[in-house]
Amino acid sequence: MKPEKKQTILLSTAYFAPVPYFCAIASGRQVFIEAHERYLKQTYRTRCEILGANGVLPLVVPVEKVHGQRTPIRDVRIDYAQPWQRAHWRSLVSAYSSSPFFMHYADEIEPFFRRRETFLLDLNMRITRLLCSLIGVDPEPLPTNACREADNDTLDLRRSLSPKSIRRQRGVTFAATEYVQVFSKKFGFVPNLSILDLLFNEGPEALSIVRRDAPHVFAEQGQVSG
């Protein structure tokens, strides 16, 4: 059963977030990115997953943690001691250079792998806003001014989207629309990859897929954003 109005969506920050993340954005009345939570390891805050010739490949942003996991996410600095940007871009080129729309979007995406942002949150916000613009997803996400508490009008997905729990979790479900991927013949359809996989493979059709899946992204106790 759909509610009469869209909810406010609360998300964690994410690095080239997975497709359900953008479905959640499209399903919201307002969307806020948590800027004051404590840093958590091994989440989409610092990583994305793409599909390469050898299967699913995680791309991880190394960070400096001044106070370990007590560090607020807004204060987490990116570590450039190793050339991770070059490695990530090479992986994307290897995985998607033969996809139908890679060349169409490459000039927009590639600068993120040359320009150095100091803070992880700033990098992720710029990435997410550009991807929303390229796909045509509304509304534009905004960072929170303080650690936000979820209420009855807010769907809190800060902990629901993670590499471990995204496919199935208590009270949370997601049914992905299948589309043709570069390595579909080898692996079949692999869901819930970085939005880049959808964008490079489907181009302008990415918006219709995101919108189609948005009402069904997270169904929790009958709450489905419409």
Protein backbone atom coordinates (compact mmCIF):
# COMPACT_ATOMS: atom_id res chain seq x y z
CA MET A 1 0.00 0.00 0.00
CA LYS A 2 1.44 3.35 -1.01
CA PRO A 3 1.33 6.32 1.32
CA GLU A 4 -0.43 9.50 0.27
CA LYS A 5 2.80 11.46 0.12
CA LYS A 6 6.50 10.81 -0.25
CA GLN A 7 8.68 10.55 2.80
CA THR A 8 11.83 12.31 3.80
CA ILE A 9 14.75 9.95 3.12
CA LEU A 10 17.83 9.84 5.34
CA LEU A 11 20.94 8.25 3.84
CA SER A 12 24.59 7.82 4.70
CA THR A 13 27.17 9.34 2.39
CA ALA A 14 28.36 6.98 -0.36
CA TYR A 15 31.11 6.69 -2.97
CA PHE A 16 29.52 6.06 -6.40
CA ALA A 17 26.59 4.55 -4.56
CA PRO A 18 24.68 1.42 -5.66
CA VAL A 19 21.53 1.57 -7.74
CA PRO A 20 19.13 1.20 -4.75
CA TYR A 21 20.65 4.34 -3.22
CA PHE A 22 19.46 6.41 -6.18
CA CYS A 23 16.12 4.64 -6.19
CA ALA A 24 15.79 5.78 -2.58
CA ILE A 25 16.60 9.36 -3.60
CA ALA A 26 14.00 9.21 -6.38
CA SER A 27 11.40 7.92 -3.90
CA GLY A 28 11.85 10.78 -1.45
CA ARG A 29 10.12 14.09 -0.89
CA GLN A 30 13.35 15.41 0.64
CA VAL A 31 16.69 13.62 0.88
CA PHE A 32 19.33 14.26 3.52
CA ILE A 33 22.84 12.83 3.66
CA GLU A 34 24.07 12.28 7.21
CA ALA A 35 27.14 14.48 7.77
CA HIS A 36 27.50 14.06 11.55
CA GLU A 37 27.45 10.32 12.18
CA ARG A 38 30.58 8.45 13.28
CA TYR A 39 32.71 6.83 10.63
CA LEU A 40 32.01 3.14 9.93
CA LYS A 41 34.37 0.75 8.18
CA GLN A 42 33.59 -1.46 5.17
CA THR A 43 30.52 0.39 3.96
CA TYR A 44 29.49 2.24 0.83
CA ARG A 45 30.78 5.40 2.49
CA THR A 46 34.24 4.51 1.17
CA ARG A 47 33.60 1.91 -1.51
CA CYS A 48 31.61 0.93 -4.54
CA GLU A 49 31.26 -2.30 -6.48
CA ILE A 50 31.57 -2.68 -10.25
CA LEU A 51 31.47 -5.70 -12.56
CA GLY A 52 34.71 -6.57 -14.32
CA ALA A 53 35.97 -9.47 -16.39
CA ASN A 54 36.69 -11.47 -13.23
CA GLY A 55 33.45 -10.68 -11.42
CA VAL A 56 32.42 -8.12 -8.83
CA LEU A 57 35.27 -5.73 -8.02
CA PRO A 58 35.24 -3.40 -4.99
CA LEU A 59 36.84 0.03 -5.40
CA VAL A 60 37.86 1.38 -1.99
CA VAL A 61 38.82 4.95 -1.06
CA PRO A 62 41.59 4.92 1.58
CA VAL A 63 41.02 7.37 4.41
CA GLU A 64 42.86 8.83 7.36
CA LYS A 65 41.00 8.30 10.63
CA VAL A 66 42.21 10.85 13.18
CA HIS A 67 40.26 9.31 16.08
CA GLY A 68 39.51 5.88 14.64
CA GLN A 69 35.81 5.06 14.42
CA ARG A 70 35.01 7.97 16.76
CA THR A 71 35.76 10.37 13.91
CA PRO A 72 32.66 12.19 12.58
CA ILE A 73 32.17 11.39 8.92
CA ARG A 74 32.45 15.09 8.03
CA ASP A 75 36.03 15.10 9.40
CA VAL A 76 37.29 11.97 7.61
CA ARG A 77 40.16 12.88 5.29
CA ILE A 78 41.10 11.02 2.14
CA ASP A 79 44.51 9.33 2.08
CA TYR A 80 46.50 9.92 -1.12
CA ALA A 81 49.65 8.04 -0.08
CA GLN A 82 48.85 5.46 -2.77
CA PRO A 83 47.61 6.29 -6.32
CA TRP A 84 44.14 4.88 -5.73
CA GLN A 85 42.49 7.36 -8.10
CA ARG A 86 44.52 6.10 -11.04
CA ALA A 87 43.79 2.49 -10.06
CA HIS A 88 40.04 3.15 -9.80
CA TRP A 89 39.87 4.89 -13.16
CA ARG A 90 41.84 2.12 -14.85
CA SER A 91 39.44 -0.43 -13.38
CA LEU A 92 36.44 1.52 -14.69
CA VAL A 93 37.97 1.82 -18.16
CA SER A 94 38.77 -1.90 -18.19
CA ALA A 95 35.26 -2.85 -17.05
CA TYR A 96 33.17 -0.42 -19.08
CA SER A 97 35.07 0.92 -22.09
CA SER A 98 33.04 -1.43 -24.30
CA SER A 99 29.71 -0.48 -22.72
CA PRO A 100 27.26 1.50 -24.88
CA PHE A 101 27.45 4.78 -22.95
CA PHE A 102 30.90 4.86 -21.34
CA MET A 103 32.28 7.42 -23.77
CA HIS A 104 29.16 9.56 -23.40
CA TYR A 105 29.73 10.04 -19.65
CA ALA A 106 33.49 9.52 -19.29
CA ASP A 107 34.37 13.22 -19.53
CA GLU A 108 31.97 14.01 -16.66
CA ILE A 109 33.19 11.19 -14.41
CA GLU A 110 36.94 11.15 -15.03
CA PRO A 111 37.75 14.46 -13.23
CA PHE A 112 36.89 12.83 -9.89
CA PHE A 113 39.96 10.67 -10.42
CA ARG A 114 42.28 13.62 -11.03
CA ARG A 115 41.07 16.31 -8.64
CA ARG A 116 41.97 15.83 -4.99
CA GLU A 117 39.30 16.52 -2.39
CA THR A 118 40.47 16.77 1.21
CA PHE A 119 37.38 15.30 2.89
CA LEU A 120 35.49 12.13 2.00
CA LEU A 121 32.10 13.76 2.56
CA ASP A 122 32.88 16.55 0.08
CA LEU A 123 33.98 14.06 -2.56
CA ASN A 124 30.90 11.91 -2.12
CA MET A 125 28.49 14.85 -2.13
CA ARG A 126 29.92 16.15 -5.40
CA ILE A 127 29.79 12.70 -6.95
CA THR A 128 26.20 12.08 -5.83
CA ARG A 129 24.96 15.46 -7.03
CA LEU A 130 26.58 15.01 -10.44
CA LEU A 131 25.12 11.53 -10.82
CA CYS A 132 21.66 12.77 -9.85
CA SER A 133 22.03 15.43 -12.54
CA LEU A 134 23.26 12.97 -15.20
CA ILE A 135 20.47 10.51 -14.48
CA GLY A 136 17.79 13.15 -13.94
CA VAL A 137 16.92 12.06 -10.40
CA ASP A 138 15.19 14.46 -7.99
CA PRO A 139 15.40 15.81 -5.34
CA GLU A 140 18.98 16.99 -4.88
CA PRO A 141 20.39 15.50 -1.64
CA LEU A 142 21.41 17.92 1.11
CA PRO A 143 23.86 17.32 3.99
CA THR A 144 22.41 17.36 7.49
CA ASN A 145 23.17 20.30 9.78
CA ALA A 146 23.30 18.04 12.84
CA CYS A 147 22.99 14.35 13.61
CA ARG A 148 19.40 13.80 12.56
CA GLU A 149 16.91 11.64 14.40
CA ALA A 150 14.41 9.72 12.31
CA ASP A 151 10.71 10.43 12.90
CA ASN A 152 7.42 9.11 11.54
CA ASP A 153 7.85 11.11 8.33
CA THR A 154 11.43 9.96 7.75
CA LEU A 155 12.65 6.69 6.29
CA ASP A 156 16.05 6.12 7.88
CA LEU A 157 18.29 4.12 5.53
CA ARG A 158 21.65 5.08 7.03
CA ARG A 159 22.37 1.51 8.14
CA SER A 160 20.22 -0.35 5.61
CA LEU A 161 22.48 0.19 2.60
CA SER A 162 25.70 -1.74 3.04
CA PRO A 163 27.62 -4.30 0.99
CA LYS A 164 26.52 -7.02 3.44
CA SER A 165 22.86 -6.16 3.93
CA ILE A 166 21.68 -4.57 0.70
CA ARG A 167 20.28 -7.72 -0.86
CA ARG A 168 18.16 -8.82 2.05
CA GLN A 169 17.72 -7.66 5.62
CA ARG A 170 14.99 -7.92 8.21
CA GLY A 171 12.14 -5.65 7.15
CA VAL A 172 14.01 -4.40 4.08
CA THR A 173 13.67 -5.71 0.55
CA PHE A 174 14.72 -4.63 -2.91
CA ALA A 175 13.74 -6.09 -6.26
CA ALA A 176 16.07 -4.93 -9.02
CA THR A 177 15.06 -4.53 -12.65
CA GLU A 178 17.44 -6.52 -14.84
CA TYR A 179 19.34 -4.84 -17.65
CA VAL A 180 22.11 -5.94 -20.02
CA GLN A 181 25.58 -5.67 -18.49
CA VAL A 182 28.94 -5.90 -20.24
CA PHE A 183 29.62 -9.34 -18.77
CA SER A 184 26.04 -10.64 -18.64
CA LYS A 185 26.89 -13.67 -20.79
CA LYS A 186 29.62 -14.67 -18.34
CA PHE A 187 27.98 -13.94 -14.98
CA GLY A 188 24.29 -13.41 -15.68
CA PHE A 189 22.68 -10.30 -14.21
CA VAL A 190 24.46 -8.99 -11.11
CA PRO A 191 22.20 -6.59 -9.13
CA ASN A 192 22.95 -3.71 -6.79
CA LEU A 193 26.24 -2.59 -8.31
CA SER A 194 27.41 1.00 -8.42
CA ILE A 195 25.08 3.33 -10.30
CA LEU A 196 27.94 3.68 -12.80
CA ASP A 197 27.17 0.15 -14.03
CA LEU A 198 23.60 1.15 -14.83
CA LEU A 199 24.59 4.50 -16.30
CA PHE A 200 27.32 3.14 -18.58
CA ASN A 201 25.13 0.27 -19.79
CA GLU A 202 21.74 1.98 -20.10
CA GLY A 203 22.50 5.69 -20.53
CA PRO A 204 19.30 7.77 -20.64
CA GLU A 205 17.25 4.67 -19.83
CA ALA A 206 18.82 4.62 -16.36
CA LEU A 207 16.21 7.12 -15.17
CA SER A 208 13.28 4.94 -16.19
CA ILE A 209 14.81 1.95 -14.38
CA VAL A 210 15.46 3.99 -11.24
CA ARG A 211 11.92 5.38 -11.28
CA ARG A 212 10.43 1.95 -11.97
CA ASP A 213 12.23 0.45 -8.98
CA ALA A 214 11.85 3.43 -6.66
CA PRO A 215 8.37 2.55 -5.29
CA HIS A 216 9.64 -0.91 -4.39
CA VAL A 217 13.08 -0.08 -3.05
CA PHE A 218 12.48 -0.45 0.65
CA ALA A 219 9.22 -1.92 1.87
CA GLU A 220 9.16 -1.83 5.65
CA GLN A 221 5.97 -2.64 7.54
CA GLY A 222 3.89 -1.45 4.62
CA GLN A 223 5.84 1.80 4.15
CA VAL A 224 6.71 2.19 0.50
CA SER A 225 7.72 5.52 -0.96
CA GLY A 226 5.65 6.36 -3.99
